[in-house]
Amino acid sequence: MPESRVEAPTRSNPQSRDQPGLAWLVLNSVAIRALNRKYAVPILLALHERGVLRTRSLVRHIGAHAATVIDTVRALEDSQIVSRTRTPRDRRAVEIRLTAQGLELVETAMSHWRSLIRKWDRL
């Protein structure tokens, strides 16, 4: 299978975030602001662990005020880290899931964390 080359995002081409790799995050100030929110990491970890969650379940799992969780989810959605869709059976309910970029972000962070723990175990 031929390898495809992916152009890294540049300041002149910030739209490269739809391409694979975490490089899009480096220059994406919207994503950085979203990830700096207090409940962003717990939300990402919950979605990674459980897959798809409805808003109500996510709020219960995180244990924060619903408006805070929803605002954080909206910011993560604007950054294309999570996606929200209405359920077909109950149009009031919203399902939240990690996008491919969100999954890559969480798995990369977890990989780095695991390697750090392995280093500590050797001390």
PDB file of N, CA and C in Angstrom:
ATOM      1  N   MET A   1       0.845  -1.165   0.000  1.00  0.00           N
ATOM      2  CA  MET A   1       0.000   0.000   0.000  1.00  0.00           C
ATOM      3  C   MET A   1       0.897   1.238   0.000  1.00  0.00           C
ATOM      4  N   PRO A   2       0.682   2.181  -0.896  1.00  0.00           N
ATOM      5  CA  PRO A   2       1.538   3.362  -0.940  1.00  0.00           C
ATOM      6  C   PRO A   2       1.297   4.249   0.271  1.00  0.00           C
ATOM      7  N   GLU A   3       2.376   4.840   0.747  1.00  0.00           N
ATOM      8  CA  GLU A   3       2.264   5.752   1.877  1.00  0.00           C
ATOM      9  C   GLU A   3       1.794   7.109   1.389  1.00  0.00           C
ATOM     10  N   SER A   4       0.905   7.721   2.147  1.00  0.00           N
ATOM     11  CA  SER A   4       0.464   9.061   1.781  1.00  0.00           C
ATOM     12  C   SER A   4       1.185  10.058   2.668  1.00  0.00           C
ATOM     13  N   ARG A   5       1.601  11.147   2.107  1.00  0.00           N
ATOM     14  CA  ARG A   5       2.286  12.186   2.860  1.00  0.00           C
ATOM     15  C   ARG A   5       1.262  13.217   3.292  1.00  0.00           C
ATOM     16  N   VAL A   6       1.353  13.601   4.531  1.00  0.00           N
ATOM     17  CA  VAL A   6       0.439  14.592   5.082  1.00  0.00           C
ATOM     18  C   VAL A   6       1.220  15.857   5.356  1.00  0.00           C
ATOM     19  N   GLU A   7       0.735  16.948   4.819  1.00  0.00           N
ATOM     20  CA  GLU A   7       1.386  18.234   5.036  1.00  0.00           C
ATOM     21  C   GLU A   7       1.019  18.749   6.420  1.00  0.00           C
ATOM     22  N   ALA A   8       2.019  19.118   7.161  1.00  0.00           N
ATOM     23  CA  ALA A   8       1.779  19.655   8.500  1.00  0.00           C
ATOM     24  C   ALA A   8       1.117  21.022   8.384  1.00  0.00           C
ATOM     25  N   PRO A   9       0.277  21.377   9.340  1.00  0.00           N
ATOM     26  CA  PRO A   9      -0.357  22.680   9.291  1.00  0.00           C
ATOM     27  C   PRO A   9       0.680  23.787   9.448  1.00  0.00           C
ATOM     28  N   THR A  10       0.428  24.873   8.814  1.00  0.00           N
ATOM     29  CA  THR A  10       1.304  26.033   8.921  1.00  0.00           C
ATOM     30  C   THR A  10       0.472  27.224   9.345  1.00  0.00           C
ATOM     31  N   ARG A  11       1.133  28.297   9.680  1.00  0.00           N
ATOM     32  CA  ARG A  11       0.389  29.497  10.064  1.00  0.00           C
ATOM     33  C   ARG A  11      -0.464  29.995   8.904  1.00  0.00           C
ATOM     34  N   SER A  12       0.006  29.789   7.692  1.00  0.00           N
ATOM     35  CA  SER A  12      -0.766  30.242   6.535  1.00  0.00           C
ATOM     36  C   SER A  12      -1.872  29.262   6.164  1.00  0.00           C
ATOM     37  N   ASN A  13      -1.812  28.027   6.694  1.00  0.00           N
ATOM     38  CA  ASN A  13      -2.817  27.013   6.376  1.00  0.00           C
ATOM     39  C   ASN A  13      -3.303  26.336   7.651  1.00  0.00           C
ATOM     40  N   PRO A  14      -4.014  27.046   8.540  1.00  0.00           N
ATOM     41  CA  PRO A  14      -4.473  26.436   9.787  1.00  0.00           C
ATOM     42  C   PRO A  14      -5.586  25.424   9.577  1.00  0.00           C
ATOM     43  N   GLN A  15      -6.147  25.342   8.390  1.00  0.00           N
ATOM     44  CA  GLN A  15      -7.231  24.403   8.127  1.00  0.00           C
ATOM     45  C   GLN A  15      -6.749  22.964   8.012  1.00  0.00           C
ATOM     46  N   SER A  16      -5.489  22.703   8.193  1.00  0.00           N
ATOM     47  CA  SER A  16      -4.931  21.359   8.075  1.00  0.00           C
ATOM     48  C   SER A  16      -5.385  20.447   9.199  1.00  0.00           C
ATOM     49  N   ARG A  17      -6.170  20.950  10.139  1.00  0.00           N
ATOM     50  CA  ARG A  17      -6.555  20.123  11.282  1.00  0.00           C
ATOM     51  C   ARG A  17      -7.417  18.935  10.904  1.00  0.00           C
ATOM     52  N   ASP A  18      -7.992  18.920   9.689  1.00  0.00           N
ATOM     53  CA  ASP A  18      -8.786  17.765   9.306  1.00  0.00           C
ATOM     54  C   ASP A  18      -7.894  16.628   8.812  1.00  0.00           C
ATOM     55  N   GLN A  19      -6.611  16.827   8.778  1.00  0.00           N
ATOM     56  CA  GLN A  19      -5.674  15.800   8.361  1.00  0.00           C
ATOM     57  C   GLN A  19      -5.200  15.043   9.589  1.00  0.00           C
ATOM     58  N   PRO A  20      -4.763  13.793   9.393  1.00  0.00           N
ATOM     59  CA  PRO A  20      -4.333  13.000  10.540  1.00  0.00           C
ATOM     60  C   PRO A  20      -3.117  13.606  11.232  1.00  0.00           C
ATOM     61  N   GLY A  21      -2.946  13.253  12.486  1.00  0.00           N
ATOM     62  CA  GLY A  21      -1.812  13.728  13.258  1.00  0.00           C
ATOM     63  C   GLY A  21      -2.233  14.808  14.225  1.00  0.00           C
ATOM     64  N   LEU A  22      -1.482  14.927  15.296  1.00  0.00           N
ATOM     65  CA  LEU A  22      -1.805  15.920  16.308  1.00  0.00           C
ATOM     66  C   LEU A  22      -1.235  17.287  15.987  1.00  0.00           C
ATOM     67  N   ALA A  23      -0.552  17.427  14.875  1.00  0.00           N
ATOM     68  CA  ALA A  23       0.055  18.711  14.529  1.00  0.00           C
ATOM     69  C   ALA A  23      -0.990  19.817  14.424  1.00  0.00           C
ATOM     70  N   TRP A  24      -2.214  19.491  14.018  1.00  0.00           N
ATOM     71  CA  TRP A  24      -3.266  20.510  13.906  1.00  0.00           C
ATOM     72  C   TRP A  24      -3.516  21.191  15.238  1.00  0.00           C
ATOM     73  N   LEU A  25      -3.290  20.458  16.343  1.00  0.00           N
ATOM     74  CA  LEU A  25      -3.581  21.004  17.662  1.00  0.00           C
ATOM     75  C   LEU A  25      -2.593  22.099  18.053  1.00  0.00           C
ATOM     76  N   VAL A  26      -1.376  22.016  17.562  1.00  0.00           N
ATOM     77  CA  VAL A  26      -0.341  22.952  17.957  1.00  0.00           C
ATOM     78  C   VAL A  26      -0.734  24.386  17.630  1.00  0.00           C
ATOM     79  N   LEU A  27      -1.296  24.599  16.469  1.00  0.00           N
ATOM     80  CA  LEU A  27      -1.607  25.955  16.044  1.00  0.00           C
ATOM     81  C   LEU A  27      -3.078  26.308  16.206  1.00  0.00           C
ATOM     82  N   ASN A  28      -3.852  25.437  16.813  1.00  0.00           N
ATOM     83  CA  ASN A  28      -5.275  25.660  16.940  1.00  0.00           C
ATOM     84  C   ASN A  28      -5.587  26.255  18.313  1.00  0.00           C
ATOM     85  N   SER A  29      -5.676  27.556  18.380  1.00  0.00           N
ATOM     86  CA  SER A  29      -5.906  28.212  19.661  1.00  0.00           C
ATOM     87  C   SER A  29      -7.284  27.884  20.235  1.00  0.00           C
ATOM     88  N   VAL A  30      -8.263  27.601  19.387  1.00  0.00           N
ATOM     89  CA  VAL A  30      -9.596  27.226  19.866  1.00  0.00           C
ATOM     90  C   VAL A  30      -9.510  25.908  20.634  1.00  0.00           C
ATOM     91  N   ALA A  31      -8.761  24.949  20.102  1.00  0.00           N
ATOM     92  CA  ALA A  31      -8.596  23.655  20.775  1.00  0.00           C
ATOM     93  C   ALA A  31      -7.846  23.829  22.093  1.00  0.00           C
ATOM     94  N   ILE A  32      -6.835  24.656  22.110  1.00  0.00           N
ATOM     95  CA  ILE A  32      -6.066  24.878  23.339  1.00  0.00           C
ATOM     96  C   ILE A  32      -6.955  25.482  24.421  1.00  0.00           C
ATOM     97  N   ARG A  33      -7.766  26.475  24.059  1.00  0.00           N
ATOM     98  CA  ARG A  33      -8.689  27.073  25.039  1.00  0.00           C
ATOM     99  C   ARG A  33      -9.691  26.042  25.548  1.00  0.00           C
ATOM    100  N   ALA A  34     -10.182  25.192  24.655  1.00  0.00           N
ATOM    101  CA  ALA A  34     -11.148  24.166  25.070  1.00  0.00           C
ATOM    102  C   ALA A  34     -10.500  23.174  26.026  1.00  0.00           C
ATOM    103  N   LEU A  35      -9.278  22.780  25.746  1.00  0.00           N
ATOM    104  CA  LEU A  35      -8.594  21.791  26.584  1.00  0.00           C
ATOM    105  C   LEU A  35      -8.159  22.367  27.926  1.00  0.00           C
ATOM    106  N   ASN A  36      -8.066  23.677  28.039  1.00  0.00           N
ATOM    107  CA  ASN A  36      -7.693  24.312  29.302  1.00  0.00           C
ATOM    108  C   ASN A  36      -8.863  24.431  30.270  1.00  0.00           C
ATOM    109  N   ARG A  37     -10.057  24.080  29.835  1.00  0.00           N
ATOM    110  CA  ARG A  37     -11.217  24.148  30.722  1.00  0.00           C
ATOM    111  C   ARG A  37     -11.109  23.077  31.807  1.00  0.00           C
ATOM    112  N   LYS A  38     -11.650  23.379  32.958  1.00  0.00           N
ATOM    113  CA  LYS A  38     -11.517  22.525  34.137  1.00  0.00           C
ATOM    114  C   LYS A  38     -11.977  21.088  33.894  1.00  0.00           C
ATOM    115  N   TYR A  39     -13.083  20.894  33.203  1.00  0.00           N
ATOM    116  CA  TYR A  39     -13.648  19.551  33.049  1.00  0.00           C
ATOM    117  C   TYR A  39     -13.346  18.913  31.689  1.00  0.00           C
ATOM    118  N   ALA A  40     -12.473  19.504  30.887  1.00  0.00           N
ATOM    119  CA  ALA A  40     -12.182  18.952  29.561  1.00  0.00           C
ATOM    120  C   ALA A  40     -11.554  17.566  29.658  1.00  0.00           C
ATOM    121  N   VAL A  41     -10.548  17.411  30.497  1.00  0.00           N
ATOM    122  CA  VAL A  41      -9.867  16.114  30.597  1.00  0.00           C
ATOM    123  C   VAL A  41     -10.800  15.038  31.162  1.00  0.00           C
ATOM    124  N   PRO A  42     -11.537  15.297  32.252  1.00  0.00           N
ATOM    125  CA  PRO A  42     -12.468  14.265  32.716  1.00  0.00           C
ATOM    126  C   PRO A  42     -13.510  13.877  31.655  1.00  0.00           C
ATOM    127  N   ILE A  43     -13.966  14.842  30.866  1.00  0.00           N
ATOM    128  CA  ILE A  43     -14.933  14.547  29.810  1.00  0.00           C
ATOM    129  C   ILE A  43     -14.295  13.656  28.753  1.00  0.00           C
ATOM    130  N   LEU A  44     -13.091  14.000  28.328  1.00  0.00           N
ATOM    131  CA  LEU A  44     -12.407  13.198  27.309  1.00  0.00           C
ATOM    132  C   LEU A  44     -12.134  11.784  27.800  1.00  0.00           C
ATOM    133  N   LEU A  45     -11.710  11.657  29.041  1.00  0.00           N
ATOM    134  CA  LEU A  45     -11.439  10.321  29.584  1.00  0.00           C
ATOM    135  C   LEU A  45     -12.720   9.500  29.720  1.00  0.00           C
ATOM    136  N   ALA A  46     -13.811  10.137  30.128  1.00  0.00           N
ATOM    137  CA  ALA A  46     -15.089   9.427  30.240  1.00  0.00           C
ATOM    138  C   ALA A  46     -15.551   8.927  28.873  1.00  0.00           C
ATOM    139  N   LEU A  47     -15.414   9.768  27.863  1.00  0.00           N
ATOM    140  CA  LEU A  47     -15.821   9.363  26.513  1.00  0.00           C
ATOM    141  C   LEU A  47     -14.905   8.279  25.965  1.00  0.00           C
ATOM    142  N   HIS A  48     -13.632   8.338  26.294  1.00  0.00           N
ATOM    143  CA  HIS A  48     -12.700   7.305  25.846  1.00  0.00           C
ATOM    144  C   HIS A  48     -13.030   5.968  26.510  1.00  0.00           C
ATOM    145  N   GLU A  49     -13.350   6.025  27.790  1.00  0.00           N
ATOM    146  CA  GLU A  49     -13.651   4.820  28.558  1.00  0.00           C
ATOM    147  C   GLU A  49     -15.001   4.212  28.180  1.00  0.00           C
ATOM    148  N   ARG A  50     -16.001   5.046  28.004  1.00  0.00           N
ATOM    149  CA  ARG A  50     -17.364   4.555  27.820  1.00  0.00           C
ATOM    150  C   ARG A  50     -17.866   4.613  26.383  1.00  0.00           C
ATOM    151  N   GLY A  51     -17.148   5.286  25.495  1.00  0.00           N
ATOM    152  CA  GLY A  51     -17.606   5.404  24.106  1.00  0.00           C
ATOM    153  C   GLY A  51     -18.584   6.542  23.961  1.00  0.00           C
ATOM    154  N   VAL A  52     -19.801   6.226  23.614  1.00  0.00           N
ATOM    155  CA  VAL A  52     -20.836   7.242  23.407  1.00  0.00           C
ATOM    156  C   VAL A  52     -21.607   7.430  24.712  1.00  0.00           C
ATOM    157  N   LEU A  53     -21.791   8.694  25.096  1.00  0.00           N
ATOM    158  CA  LEU A  53     -22.578   9.012  26.288  1.00  0.00           C
ATOM    159  C   LEU A  53     -23.602  10.075  25.953  1.00  0.00           C
ATOM    160  N   ARG A  54     -24.769   9.944  26.562  1.00  0.00           N
ATOM    161  CA  ARG A  54     -25.754  11.023  26.466  1.00  0.00           C
ATOM    162  C   ARG A  54     -25.346  12.125  27.424  1.00  0.00           C
ATOM    163  N   THR A  55     -25.808  13.314  27.143  1.00  0.00           N
ATOM    164  CA  THR A  55     -25.425  14.473  27.945  1.00  0.00           C
ATOM    165  C   THR A  55     -25.722  14.249  29.422  1.00  0.00           C
ATOM    166  N   ARG A  56     -26.899  13.755  29.726  1.00  0.00           N
ATOM    167  CA  ARG A  56     -27.286  13.544  31.122  1.00  0.00           C
ATOM    168  C   ARG A  56     -26.339  12.563  31.818  1.00  0.00           C
ATOM    169  N   SER A  57     -25.980  11.473  31.130  1.00  0.00           N
ATOM    170  CA  SER A  57     -25.063  10.489  31.706  1.00  0.00           C
ATOM    171  C   SER A  57     -23.676  11.087  31.925  1.00  0.00           C
ATOM    172  N   LEU A  58     -23.228  11.901  30.977  1.00  0.00           N
ATOM    173  CA  LEU A  58     -21.923  12.535  31.110  1.00  0.00           C
ATOM    174  C   LEU A  58     -21.903  13.494  32.293  1.00  0.00           C
ATOM    175  N   VAL A  59     -22.962  14.267  32.459  1.00  0.00           N
ATOM    176  CA  VAL A  59     -23.054  15.201  33.590  1.00  0.00           C
ATOM    177  C   VAL A  59     -22.996  14.434  34.906  1.00  0.00           C
ATOM    178  N   ARG A  60     -23.737  13.326  34.993  1.00  0.00           N
ATOM    179  CA  ARG A  60     -23.708  12.516  36.211  1.00  0.00           C
ATOM    180  C   ARG A  60     -22.323  11.926  36.454  1.00  0.00           C
ATOM    181  N   HIS A  61     -21.695  11.438  35.392  1.00  0.00           N
ATOM    182  CA  HIS A  61     -20.375  10.818  35.513  1.00  0.00           C
ATOM    183  C   HIS A  61     -19.323  11.830  35.977  1.00  0.00           C
ATOM    184  N   ILE A  62     -19.374  13.049  35.445  1.00  0.00           N
ATOM    185  CA  ILE A  62     -18.388  14.075  35.782  1.00  0.00           C
ATOM    186  C   ILE A  62     -18.676  14.669  37.154  1.00  0.00           C
ATOM    187  N   GLY A  63     -19.941  14.808  37.497  1.00  0.00           N
ATOM    188  CA  GLY A  63     -20.312  15.346  38.802  1.00  0.00           C
ATOM    189  C   GLY A  63     -20.222  16.859  38.883  1.00  0.00           C
ATOM    190  N   ALA A  64     -20.333  17.512  37.766  1.00  0.00           N
ATOM    191  CA  ALA A  64     -20.294  18.976  37.733  1.00  0.00           C
ATOM    192  C   ALA A  64     -21.675  19.495  37.351  1.00  0.00           C
ATOM    193  N   HIS A  65     -21.826  20.802  37.401  1.00  0.00           N
ATOM    194  CA  HIS A  65     -23.087  21.422  37.004  1.00  0.00           C
ATOM    195  C   HIS A  65     -23.318  21.187  35.516  1.00  0.00           C
ATOM    196  N   ALA A  66     -24.547  20.920  35.130  1.00  0.00           N
ATOM    197  CA  ALA A  66     -24.880  20.594  33.735  1.00  0.00           C
ATOM    198  C   ALA A  66     -24.434  21.687  32.766  1.00  0.00           C
ATOM    199  N   ALA A  67     -24.651  22.943  33.117  1.00  0.00           N
ATOM    200  CA  ALA A  67     -24.276  24.042  32.216  1.00  0.00           C
ATOM    201  C   ALA A  67     -22.770  24.070  31.983  1.00  0.00           C
ATOM    202  N   THR A  68     -21.991  23.773  33.006  1.00  0.00           N
ATOM    203  CA  THR A  68     -20.534  23.757  32.879  1.00  0.00           C
ATOM    204  C   THR A  68     -20.084  22.647  31.943  1.00  0.00           C
ATOM    205  N   VAL A  69     -20.655  21.470  32.114  1.00  0.00           N
ATOM    206  CA  VAL A  69     -20.297  20.335  31.257  1.00  0.00           C
ATOM    207  C   VAL A  69     -20.712  20.617  29.818  1.00  0.00           C
ATOM    208  N   ILE A  70     -21.911  21.123  29.622  1.00  0.00           N
ATOM    209  CA  ILE A  70     -22.407  21.395  28.270  1.00  0.00           C
ATOM    210  C   ILE A  70     -21.556  22.473  27.585  1.00  0.00           C
ATOM    211  N   ASP A  71     -21.190  23.514  28.310  1.00  0.00           N
ATOM    212  CA  ASP A  71     -20.321  24.553  27.730  1.00  0.00           C
ATOM    213  C   ASP A  71     -18.972  23.976  27.327  1.00  0.00           C
ATOM    214  N   THR A  72     -18.427  23.101  28.153  1.00  0.00           N
ATOM    215  CA  THR A  72     -17.143  22.479  27.834  1.00  0.00           C
ATOM    216  C   THR A  72     -17.276  21.563  26.628  1.00  0.00           C
ATOM    217  N   VAL A  73     -18.363  20.812  26.565  1.00  0.00           N
ATOM    218  CA  VAL A  73     -18.593  19.931  25.413  1.00  0.00           C
ATOM    219  C   VAL A  73     -18.731  20.762  24.133  1.00  0.00           C
ATOM    220  N   ARG A  74     -19.421  21.875  24.217  1.00  0.00           N
ATOM    221  CA  ARG A  74     -19.554  22.753  23.037  1.00  0.00           C
ATOM    222  C   ARG A  74     -18.194  23.269  22.576  1.00  0.00           C
ATOM    223  N   ALA A  75     -17.352  23.659  23.519  1.00  0.00           N
ATOM    224  CA  ALA A  75     -16.009  24.132  23.164  1.00  0.00           C
ATOM    225  C   ALA A  75     -15.192  23.010  22.535  1.00  0.00           C
ATOM    226  N   LEU A  76     -15.304  21.801  23.081  1.00  0.00           N
ATOM    227  CA  LEU A  76     -14.597  20.658  22.496  1.00  0.00           C
ATOM    228  C   LEU A  76     -15.149  20.316  21.116  1.00  0.00           C
ATOM    229  N   GLU A  77     -16.449  20.503  20.932  1.00  0.00           N
ATOM    230  CA  GLU A  77     -17.056  20.270  19.618  1.00  0.00           C
ATOM    231  C   GLU A  77     -16.571  21.317  18.610  1.00  0.00           C
ATOM    232  N   ASP A  78     -16.492  22.570  19.023  1.00  0.00           N
ATOM    233  CA  ASP A  78     -15.977  23.621  18.139  1.00  0.00           C
ATOM    234  C   ASP A  78     -14.545  23.328  17.704  1.00  0.00           C
ATOM    235  N   SER A  79     -13.812  22.617  18.552  1.00  0.00           N
ATOM    236  CA  SER A  79     -12.425  22.248  18.255  1.00  0.00           C
ATOM    237  C   SER A  79     -12.333  20.933  17.486  1.00  0.00           C
ATOM    238  N   GLN A  80     -13.474  20.328  17.199  1.00  0.00           N
ATOM    239  CA  GLN A  80     -13.563  19.056  16.484  1.00  0.00           C
ATOM    240  C   GLN A  80     -12.896  17.912  17.246  1.00  0.00           C
ATOM    241  N   ILE A  81     -12.959  17.986  18.575  1.00  0.00           N
ATOM    242  CA  ILE A  81     -12.424  16.926  19.424  1.00  0.00           C
ATOM    243  C   ILE A  81     -13.531  15.946  19.795  1.00  0.00           C
ATOM    244  N   VAL A  82     -14.754  16.450  19.959  1.00  0.00           N
ATOM    245  CA  VAL A  82     -15.924  15.604  20.181  1.00  0.00           C
ATOM    246  C   VAL A  82     -16.997  15.991  19.174  1.00  0.00           C
ATOM    247  N   SER A  83     -17.959  15.099  19.014  1.00  0.00           N
ATOM    248  CA  SER A  83     -19.115  15.416  18.169  1.00  0.00           C
ATOM    249  C   SER A  83     -20.381  15.133  18.968  1.00  0.00           C
ATOM    250  N   ARG A  84     -21.418  15.892  18.657  1.00  0.00           N
ATOM    251  CA  ARG A  84     -22.721  15.699  19.303  1.00  0.00           C
ATOM    252  C   ARG A  84     -23.749  15.434  18.230  1.00  0.00           C
ATOM    253  N   THR A  85     -24.612  14.450  18.480  1.00  0.00           N
ATOM    254  CA  THR A  85     -25.704  14.160  17.554  1.00  0.00           C
ATOM    255  C   THR A  85     -26.971  13.882  18.353  1.00  0.00           C
ATOM    256  N   ARG A  86     -28.075  14.289  17.798  1.00  0.00           N
ATOM    257  CA  ARG A  86     -29.370  13.983  18.424  1.00  0.00           C
ATOM    258  C   ARG A  86     -29.700  12.523  18.148  1.00  0.00           C
ATOM    259  N   THR A  87     -30.322  11.868  19.125  1.00  0.00           N
ATOM    260  CA  THR A  87     -30.681  10.471  18.938  1.00  0.00           C
ATOM    261  C   THR A  87     -31.915  10.386  18.050  1.00  0.00           C
ATOM    262  N   PRO A  88     -31.995   9.359  17.204  1.00  0.00           N
ATOM    263  CA  PRO A  88     -33.139   9.250  16.297  1.00  0.00           C
ATOM    264  C   PRO A  88     -34.469   9.002  17.028  1.00  0.00           C
ATOM    265  N   ARG A  89     -34.428   8.253  18.122  1.00  0.00           N
ATOM    266  CA  ARG A  89     -35.674   7.926  18.835  1.00  0.00           C
ATOM    267  C   ARG A  89     -36.197   9.073  19.676  1.00  0.00           C
ATOM    268  N   ASP A  90     -35.291   9.786  20.318  1.00  0.00           N
ATOM    269  CA  ASP A  90     -35.677  10.887  21.196  1.00  0.00           C
ATOM    270  C   ASP A  90     -34.876  12.113  20.783  1.00  0.00           C
ATOM    271  N   ARG A  91     -35.468  12.981  20.008  1.00  0.00           N
ATOM    272  CA  ARG A  91     -34.757  14.124  19.443  1.00  0.00           C
ATOM    273  C   ARG A  91     -34.265  15.097  20.530  1.00  0.00           C
ATOM    274  N   ARG A  92     -34.770  14.957  21.758  1.00  0.00           N
ATOM    275  CA  ARG A  92     -34.297  15.821  22.842  1.00  0.00           C
ATOM    276  C   ARG A  92     -32.948  15.372  23.373  1.00  0.00           C
ATOM    277  N   ALA A  93     -32.675  14.076  23.270  1.00  0.00           N
ATOM    278  CA  ALA A  93     -31.431  13.521  23.809  1.00  0.00           C
ATOM    279  C   ALA A  93     -30.285  13.744  22.825  1.00  0.00           C
ATOM    280  N   VAL A  94     -29.109  14.025  23.369  1.00  0.00           N
ATOM    281  CA  VAL A  94     -27.916  14.261  22.560  1.00  0.00           C
ATOM    282  C   VAL A  94     -26.849  13.256  22.966  1.00  0.00           C
ATOM    283  N   GLU A  95     -26.271  12.592  21.971  1.00  0.00           N
ATOM    284  CA  GLU A  95     -25.173  11.668  22.216  1.00  0.00           C
ATOM    285  C   GLU A  95     -23.850  12.361  21.895  1.00  0.00           C
ATOM    286  N   ILE A  96     -22.879  12.145  22.762  1.00  0.00           N
ATOM    287  CA  ILE A  96     -21.566  12.768  22.611  1.00  0.00           C
ATOM    288  C   ILE A  96     -20.544  11.663  22.436  1.00  0.00           C
ATOM    289  N   ARG A  97     -19.629  11.857  21.479  1.00  0.00           N
ATOM    290  CA  ARG A  97     -18.574  10.868  21.239  1.00  0.00           C
ATOM    291  C   ARG A  97     -17.304  11.575  20.816  1.00  0.00           C
ATOM    292  N   LEU A  98     -16.175  10.908  20.986  1.00  0.00           N
ATOM    293  CA  LEU A  98     -14.908  11.441  20.504  1.00  0.00           C
ATOM    294  C   LEU A  98     -14.861  11.354  18.992  1.00  0.00           C
ATOM    295  N   THR A  99     -14.299  12.350  18.353  1.00  0.00           N
ATOM    296  CA  THR A  99     -14.025  12.269  16.923  1.00  0.00           C
ATOM    297  C   THR A  99     -12.724  11.485  16.752  1.00  0.00           C
ATOM    298  N   ALA A 100     -12.330  11.237  15.526  1.00  0.00           N
ATOM    299  CA  ALA A 100     -11.056  10.556  15.277  1.00  0.00           C
ATOM    300  C   ALA A 100      -9.901  11.369  15.866  1.00  0.00           C
ATOM    301  N   GLN A 101      -9.979  12.694  15.733  1.00  0.00           N
ATOM    302  CA  GLN A 101      -8.930  13.556  16.290  1.00  0.00           C
ATOM    303  C   GLN A 101      -8.950  13.509  17.819  1.00  0.00           C
ATOM    304  N   GLY A 102     -10.134  13.478  18.408  1.00  0.00           N
ATOM    305  CA  GLY A 102     -10.244  13.394  19.852  1.00  0.00           C
ATOM    306  C   GLY A 102      -9.703  12.079  20.383  1.00  0.00           C
ATOM    307  N   LEU A 103     -10.008  10.998  19.686  1.00  0.00           N
ATOM    308  CA  LEU A 103      -9.501   9.685  20.073  1.00  0.00           C
ATOM    309  C   LEU A 103      -7.981   9.662  19.991  1.00  0.00           C
ATOM    310  N   GLU A 104      -7.436  10.218  18.921  1.00  0.00           N
ATOM    311  CA  GLU A 104      -5.977  10.275  18.767  1.00  0.00           C
ATOM    312  C   GLU A 104      -5.352  11.114  19.875  1.00  0.00           C
ATOM    313  N   LEU A 105      -5.985  12.222  20.209  1.00  0.00           N
ATOM    314  CA  LEU A 105      -5.488  13.094  21.269  1.00  0.00           C
ATOM    315  C   LEU A 105      -5.426  12.351  22.598  1.00  0.00           C
ATOM    316  N   VAL A 106      -6.500  11.686  22.977  1.00  0.00           N
ATOM    317  CA  VAL A 106      -6.556  10.978  24.254  1.00  0.00           C
ATOM    318  C   VAL A 106      -5.565   9.818  24.269  1.00  0.00           C
ATOM    319  N   GLU A 107      -5.518   9.047  23.195  1.00  0.00           N
ATOM    320  CA  GLU A 107      -4.619   7.896  23.164  1.00  0.00           C
ATOM    321  C   GLU A 107      -3.152   8.320  23.174  1.00  0.00           C
ATOM    322  N   THR A 108      -2.834   9.419  22.521  1.00  0.00           N
ATOM    323  CA  THR A 108      -1.459   9.923  22.550  1.00  0.00           C
ATOM    324  C   THR A 108      -1.084  10.359  23.962  1.00  0.00           C
ATOM    325  N   ALA A 109      -1.966  11.090  24.610  1.00  0.00           N
ATOM    326  CA  ALA A 109      -1.701  11.536  25.987  1.00  0.00           C
ATOM    327  C   ALA A 109      -1.559  10.340  26.921  1.00  0.00           C
ATOM    328  N   MET A 110      -2.411   9.344  26.775  1.00  0.00           N
ATOM    329  CA  MET A 110      -2.341   8.164  27.633  1.00  0.00           C
ATOM    330  C   MET A 110      -1.055   7.383  27.386  1.00  0.00           C
ATOM    331  N   SER A 111      -0.615   7.319  26.140  1.00  0.00           N
ATOM    332  CA  SER A 111       0.631   6.638  25.811  1.00  0.00           C
ATOM    333  C   SER A 111       1.815   7.323  26.487  1.00  0.00           C
ATOM    334  N   HIS A 112       1.845   8.646  26.427  1.00  0.00           N
ATOM    335  CA  HIS A 112       2.921   9.389  27.085  1.00  0.00           C
ATOM    336  C   HIS A 112       2.871   9.184  28.600  1.00  0.00           C
ATOM    337  N   TRP A 113       1.690   9.169  29.157  1.00  0.00           N
ATOM    338  CA  TRP A 113       1.525   8.965  30.593  1.00  0.00           C
ATOM    339  C   TRP A 113       2.028   7.579  30.995  1.00  0.00           C
ATOM    340  N   ARG A 114       1.677   6.547  30.202  1.00  0.00           N
ATOM    341  CA  ARG A 114       2.138   5.186  30.500  1.00  0.00           C
ATOM    342  C   ARG A 114       3.660   5.092  30.445  1.00  0.00           C
ATOM    343  N   SER A 115       4.284   5.741  29.469  1.00  0.00           N
ATOM    344  CA  SER A 115       5.748   5.686  29.381  1.00  0.00           C
ATOM    345  C   SER A 115       6.386   6.394  30.567  1.00  0.00           C
ATOM    346  N   LEU A 116       5.785   7.474  31.044  1.00  0.00           N
ATOM    347  CA  LEU A 116       6.298   8.165  32.220  1.00  0.00           C
ATOM    348  C   LEU A 116       6.196   7.276  33.458  1.00  0.00           C
ATOM    349  N   ILE A 117       5.084   6.583  33.597  1.00  0.00           N
ATOM    350  CA  ILE A 117       4.911   5.677  34.742  1.00  0.00           C
ATOM    351  C   ILE A 117       5.926   4.539  34.676  1.00  0.00           C
ATOM    352  N   ARG A 118       6.182   4.006  33.485  1.00  0.00           N
ATOM    353  CA  ARG A 118       7.194   2.944  33.349  1.00  0.00           C
ATOM    354  C   ARG A 118       8.565   3.454  33.785  1.00  0.00           C
ATOM    355  N   LYS A 119       8.902   4.698  33.447  1.00  0.00           N
ATOM    356  CA  LYS A 119      10.182   5.276  33.869  1.00  0.00           C
ATOM    357  C   LYS A 119      10.245   5.392  35.389  1.00  0.00           C
ATOM    358  N   TRP A 120       9.148   5.808  35.998  1.00  0.00           N
ATOM    359  CA  TRP A 120       9.118   5.934  37.448  1.00  0.00           C
ATOM    360  C   TRP A 120       9.270   4.576  38.122  1.00  0.00           C
ATOM    361  N   ASP A 121       8.674   3.541  37.519  1.00  0.00           N
ATOM    362  CA  ASP A 121       8.760   2.203  38.097  1.00  0.00           C
ATOM    363  C   ASP A 121      10.200   1.691  38.109  1.00  0.00           C
ATOM    364  N   ARG A 122      11.023   2.165  37.188  1.00  0.00           N
ATOM    365  CA  ARG A 122      12.421   1.715  37.116  1.00  0.00           C
ATOM    366  C   ARG A 122      13.310   2.397  38.152  1.00  0.00           C
ATOM    367  N   LEU A 123      12.834   3.475  38.744  1.00  0.00           N
ATOM    368  CA  LEU A 123      13.666   4.207  39.719  1.00  0.00           C
ATOM    369  C   LEU A 123      13.795   3.453  41.011  1.00  0.00           C
TER     370      LEU A 123
END
